[in-house]
Amino acid sequence: MKKIIVAIAIVGALASCTATEKGTAIGAGTGALIGGVATHSWGGAAVGAVAGGLVGNLIGQSHDRRGYCIYRDRYGNRYEARCR
C-alpha cells in the first residue's frame, strides 16, 4: 500500500512540471538506476544520476522550443526563429 501511495505522489509531483523539469527528473532517476546496477555501488549511481539528469535536461529543453530552428545569417551569426 505504501508503494502505491509513493508512486501516486511522484506522478502527481511530476504532473505540474515543465518538459525540461520532467526530462531532468526522469533522466536522473534512470541514470541512477543504470549506474547503480552497472557498477554495484552508490558512487556509480551518483555519477549515473548526474549524467542522466544532464541528458534529460537537454532533451526537455528541446521539447520546450518545439517548432523553432537555428539558422545562420550571411555573416555567420546564429539565431533562432520559427521553422519554415
N, C-alpha and C. Protein backbone atom coordinates (compact mmCIF):
# COMPACT_ATOMS: atom_id res chain seq x y z
N MET A 1 0.82 -1.19 0.00
CA MET A 1 0.00 0.00 0.00
C MET A 1 0.87 1.26 0.00
N LYS A 2 1.98 1.22 0.77
CA LYS A 2 2.85 2.37 0.85
C LYS A 2 3.49 2.67 -0.51
N LYS A 3 3.83 1.62 -1.25
CA LYS A 3 4.45 1.80 -2.57
C LYS A 3 3.49 2.49 -3.53
N ILE A 4 2.23 2.15 -3.46
CA ILE A 4 1.23 2.76 -4.34
C ILE A 4 1.08 4.25 -4.00
N ILE A 5 1.06 4.56 -2.72
CA ILE A 5 0.93 5.96 -2.30
C ILE A 5 2.14 6.77 -2.75
N VAL A 6 3.33 6.21 -2.60
CA VAL A 6 4.55 6.89 -3.03
C VAL A 6 4.53 7.09 -4.55
N ALA A 7 4.12 6.09 -5.29
CA ALA A 7 4.07 6.20 -6.75
C ALA A 7 3.08 7.28 -7.18
N ILE A 8 1.95 7.34 -6.55
CA ILE A 8 0.95 8.37 -6.88
C ILE A 8 1.50 9.76 -6.54
N ALA A 9 2.20 9.88 -5.43
CA ALA A 9 2.78 11.18 -5.05
C ALA A 9 3.84 11.62 -6.06
N ILE A 10 4.65 10.71 -6.54
CA ILE A 10 5.68 11.05 -7.53
C ILE A 10 5.04 11.46 -8.84
N VAL A 11 4.06 10.73 -9.29
CA VAL A 11 3.37 11.07 -10.54
C VAL A 11 2.67 12.42 -10.39
N GLY A 12 2.06 12.68 -9.26
CA GLY A 12 1.40 13.97 -9.03
C GLY A 12 2.38 15.12 -9.03
N ALA A 13 3.56 14.90 -8.45
CA ALA A 13 4.57 15.95 -8.42
C ALA A 13 5.10 16.24 -9.82
N LEU A 14 5.30 15.21 -10.62
CA LEU A 14 5.79 15.41 -11.99
C LEU A 14 4.74 16.01 -12.91
N ALA A 15 3.48 15.86 -12.59
CA ALA A 15 2.42 16.37 -13.46
C ALA A 15 2.44 17.88 -13.58
N SER A 16 2.93 18.56 -12.56
CA SER A 16 2.94 20.02 -12.59
C SER A 16 4.25 20.59 -13.12
N CYS A 17 5.16 19.76 -13.56
CA CYS A 17 6.48 20.22 -14.02
C CYS A 17 6.44 20.54 -15.51
N THR A 18 7.42 21.38 -15.93
CA THR A 18 7.59 21.65 -17.35
C THR A 18 8.28 20.45 -18.00
N ALA A 19 8.37 20.48 -19.32
CA ALA A 19 9.03 19.38 -20.03
C ALA A 19 10.50 19.28 -19.63
N THR A 20 11.15 20.41 -19.41
CA THR A 20 12.56 20.39 -19.00
C THR A 20 12.72 19.75 -17.63
N GLU A 21 11.86 20.11 -16.70
CA GLU A 21 11.94 19.54 -15.35
C GLU A 21 11.63 18.05 -15.35
N LYS A 22 10.64 17.65 -16.14
CA LYS A 22 10.31 16.23 -16.24
C LYS A 22 11.47 15.45 -16.84
N GLY A 23 12.05 16.00 -17.91
CA GLY A 23 13.19 15.33 -18.55
C GLY A 23 14.35 15.17 -17.60
N THR A 24 14.62 16.20 -16.80
CA THR A 24 15.72 16.14 -15.84
C THR A 24 15.45 15.09 -14.78
N ALA A 25 14.24 15.07 -14.24
CA ALA A 25 13.90 14.11 -13.18
C ALA A 25 13.94 12.67 -13.70
N ILE A 26 13.35 12.45 -14.85
CA ILE A 26 13.33 11.10 -15.41
C ILE A 26 14.74 10.65 -15.78
N GLY A 27 15.52 11.55 -16.37
CA GLY A 27 16.89 11.22 -16.74
C GLY A 27 17.75 10.91 -15.54
N ALA A 28 17.60 11.69 -14.47
CA ALA A 28 18.39 11.46 -13.25
C ALA A 28 18.02 10.12 -12.61
N GLY A 29 16.73 9.84 -12.54
CA GLY A 29 16.30 8.57 -11.96
C GLY A 29 16.77 7.37 -12.76
N THR A 30 16.63 7.46 -14.07
CA THR A 30 17.07 6.36 -14.93
C THR A 30 18.58 6.20 -14.88
N GLY A 31 19.30 7.32 -14.91
CA GLY A 31 20.76 7.26 -14.84
C GLY A 31 21.25 6.66 -13.54
N ALA A 32 20.61 7.02 -12.43
CA ALA A 32 20.99 6.45 -11.14
C ALA A 32 20.75 4.95 -11.11
N LEU A 33 19.63 4.52 -11.65
CA LEU A 33 19.31 3.10 -11.67
C LEU A 33 20.32 2.33 -12.51
N ILE A 34 20.60 2.82 -13.71
CA ILE A 34 21.54 2.14 -14.60
C ILE A 34 22.96 2.18 -14.02
N GLY A 35 23.37 3.34 -13.49
CA GLY A 35 24.70 3.44 -12.90
C GLY A 35 24.88 2.54 -11.70
N GLY A 36 23.87 2.44 -10.87
CA GLY A 36 23.94 1.57 -9.70
C GLY A 36 23.99 0.10 -10.06
N VAL A 37 23.19 -0.29 -11.04
CA VAL A 37 23.17 -1.69 -11.46
C VAL A 37 24.48 -2.06 -12.16
N ALA A 38 25.00 -1.15 -12.98
CA ALA A 38 26.21 -1.45 -13.74
C ALA A 38 27.45 -1.55 -12.85
N THR A 39 27.54 -0.71 -11.82
CA THR A 39 28.75 -0.69 -11.00
C THR A 39 28.58 -1.34 -9.63
N HIS A 40 27.35 -1.61 -9.23
CA HIS A 40 27.06 -2.19 -7.92
C HIS A 40 27.58 -1.30 -6.79
N SER A 41 27.51 0.02 -6.98
CA SER A 41 27.98 0.93 -5.93
C SER A 41 27.14 2.20 -5.93
N TRP A 42 27.18 2.91 -4.79
CA TRP A 42 26.47 4.18 -4.68
C TRP A 42 27.15 5.25 -5.52
N GLY A 43 28.46 5.16 -5.65
CA GLY A 43 29.19 6.14 -6.47
C GLY A 43 28.77 6.07 -7.93
N GLY A 44 28.61 4.86 -8.43
CA GLY A 44 28.16 4.68 -9.81
C GLY A 44 26.75 5.21 -10.00
N ALA A 45 25.91 5.02 -8.99
CA ALA A 45 24.54 5.55 -9.06
C ALA A 45 24.55 7.07 -9.07
N ALA A 46 25.45 7.67 -8.27
CA ALA A 46 25.53 9.14 -8.24
C ALA A 46 26.00 9.70 -9.57
N VAL A 47 27.02 9.08 -10.15
CA VAL A 47 27.53 9.53 -11.45
C VAL A 47 26.44 9.34 -12.52
N GLY A 48 25.75 8.22 -12.48
CA GLY A 48 24.67 7.98 -13.42
C GLY A 48 23.54 8.98 -13.28
N ALA A 49 23.24 9.37 -12.05
CA ALA A 49 22.18 10.36 -11.82
C ALA A 49 22.56 11.71 -12.41
N VAL A 50 23.80 12.12 -12.22
CA VAL A 50 24.25 13.40 -12.77
C VAL A 50 24.23 13.37 -14.29
N ALA A 51 24.79 12.31 -14.87
CA ALA A 51 24.82 12.21 -16.33
C ALA A 51 23.41 12.12 -16.91
N GLY A 52 22.57 11.32 -16.30
CA GLY A 52 21.19 11.19 -16.77
C GLY A 52 20.41 12.48 -16.62
N GLY A 53 20.65 13.20 -15.54
CA GLY A 53 19.99 14.49 -15.35
C GLY A 53 20.37 15.51 -16.40
N LEU A 54 21.66 15.54 -16.76
CA LEU A 54 22.11 16.46 -17.80
C LEU A 54 21.48 16.13 -19.15
N VAL A 55 21.51 14.87 -19.51
CA VAL A 55 20.92 14.46 -20.79
C VAL A 55 19.42 14.70 -20.79
N GLY A 56 18.75 14.36 -19.71
CA GLY A 56 17.31 14.59 -19.61
C GLY A 56 16.96 16.06 -19.70
N ASN A 57 17.79 16.91 -19.12
CA ASN A 57 17.57 18.35 -19.21
C ASN A 57 17.67 18.83 -20.65
N LEU A 58 18.66 18.36 -21.37
CA LEU A 58 18.82 18.76 -22.77
C LEU A 58 17.62 18.30 -23.61
N ILE A 59 17.18 17.10 -23.37
CA ILE A 59 16.02 16.59 -24.11
C ILE A 59 14.77 17.40 -23.75
N GLY A 60 14.60 17.71 -22.48
CA GLY A 60 13.45 18.51 -22.06
C GLY A 60 13.46 19.90 -22.66
N GLN A 61 14.64 20.52 -22.76
CA GLN A 61 14.74 21.85 -23.36
C GLN A 61 14.37 21.81 -24.83
N SER A 62 14.69 20.73 -25.52
CA SER A 62 14.34 20.65 -26.93
C SER A 62 12.83 20.57 -27.13
N HIS A 63 12.12 20.03 -26.16
CA HIS A 63 10.66 19.96 -26.26
C HIS A 63 10.02 21.31 -25.97
N ASP A 64 10.68 22.13 -25.13
CA ASP A 64 10.13 23.45 -24.83
C ASP A 64 10.18 24.37 -26.03
N ARG A 65 11.12 24.18 -26.91
CA ARG A 65 11.30 25.05 -28.09
C ARG A 65 10.87 24.34 -29.36
N ARG A 66 9.88 23.51 -29.28
CA ARG A 66 9.39 22.78 -30.45
C ARG A 66 8.87 23.77 -31.49
N GLY A 67 9.22 23.56 -32.74
CA GLY A 67 8.77 24.44 -33.81
C GLY A 67 9.76 25.54 -34.13
N TYR A 68 10.88 25.59 -33.41
CA TYR A 68 11.91 26.60 -33.67
C TYR A 68 13.14 25.92 -34.25
N CYS A 69 13.82 26.60 -35.14
CA CYS A 69 15.03 26.10 -35.77
C CYS A 69 16.16 27.11 -35.57
N ILE A 70 17.37 26.64 -35.70
CA ILE A 70 18.54 27.51 -35.59
C ILE A 70 19.04 27.79 -37.00
N TYR A 71 19.19 29.06 -37.31
CA TYR A 71 19.64 29.49 -38.63
C TYR A 71 20.92 30.31 -38.50
N ARG A 72 21.59 30.51 -39.61
CA ARG A 72 22.76 31.39 -39.67
C ARG A 72 22.48 32.46 -40.71
N ASP A 73 22.83 33.70 -40.36
CA ASP A 73 22.68 34.76 -41.35
C ASP A 73 23.92 34.80 -42.25
N ARG A 74 23.95 35.73 -43.16
CA ARG A 74 25.05 35.76 -44.13
C ARG A 74 26.39 36.13 -43.50
N TYR A 75 26.37 36.61 -42.25
CA TYR A 75 27.61 36.96 -41.55
C TYR A 75 28.09 35.83 -40.63
N GLY A 76 27.34 34.74 -40.60
CA GLY A 76 27.70 33.59 -39.77
C GLY A 76 27.13 33.60 -38.38
N ASN A 77 26.33 34.59 -38.05
CA ASN A 77 25.71 34.67 -36.72
C ASN A 77 24.54 33.69 -36.63
N ARG A 78 24.44 33.01 -35.50
CA ARG A 78 23.35 32.06 -35.30
C ARG A 78 22.17 32.78 -34.65
N TYR A 79 20.96 32.42 -35.08
CA TYR A 79 19.75 32.94 -34.47
C TYR A 79 18.68 31.87 -34.52
N GLU A 80 17.67 32.04 -33.67
CA GLU A 80 16.59 31.08 -33.57
C GLU A 80 15.30 31.72 -34.03
N ALA A 81 14.56 31.01 -34.87
CA ALA A 81 13.28 31.51 -35.36
C ALA A 81 12.38 30.32 -35.67
N ARG A 82 11.11 30.61 -35.90
CA ARG A 82 10.17 29.55 -36.28
C ARG A 82 10.67 28.82 -37.52
N CYS A 83 10.51 27.51 -37.53
CA CYS A 83 10.92 26.72 -38.69
C CYS A 83 10.06 27.09 -39.90
N ARG A 84 10.66 27.06 -41.04
CA ARG A 84 9.94 27.41 -42.27
C ARG A 84 9.22 26.23 -42.85
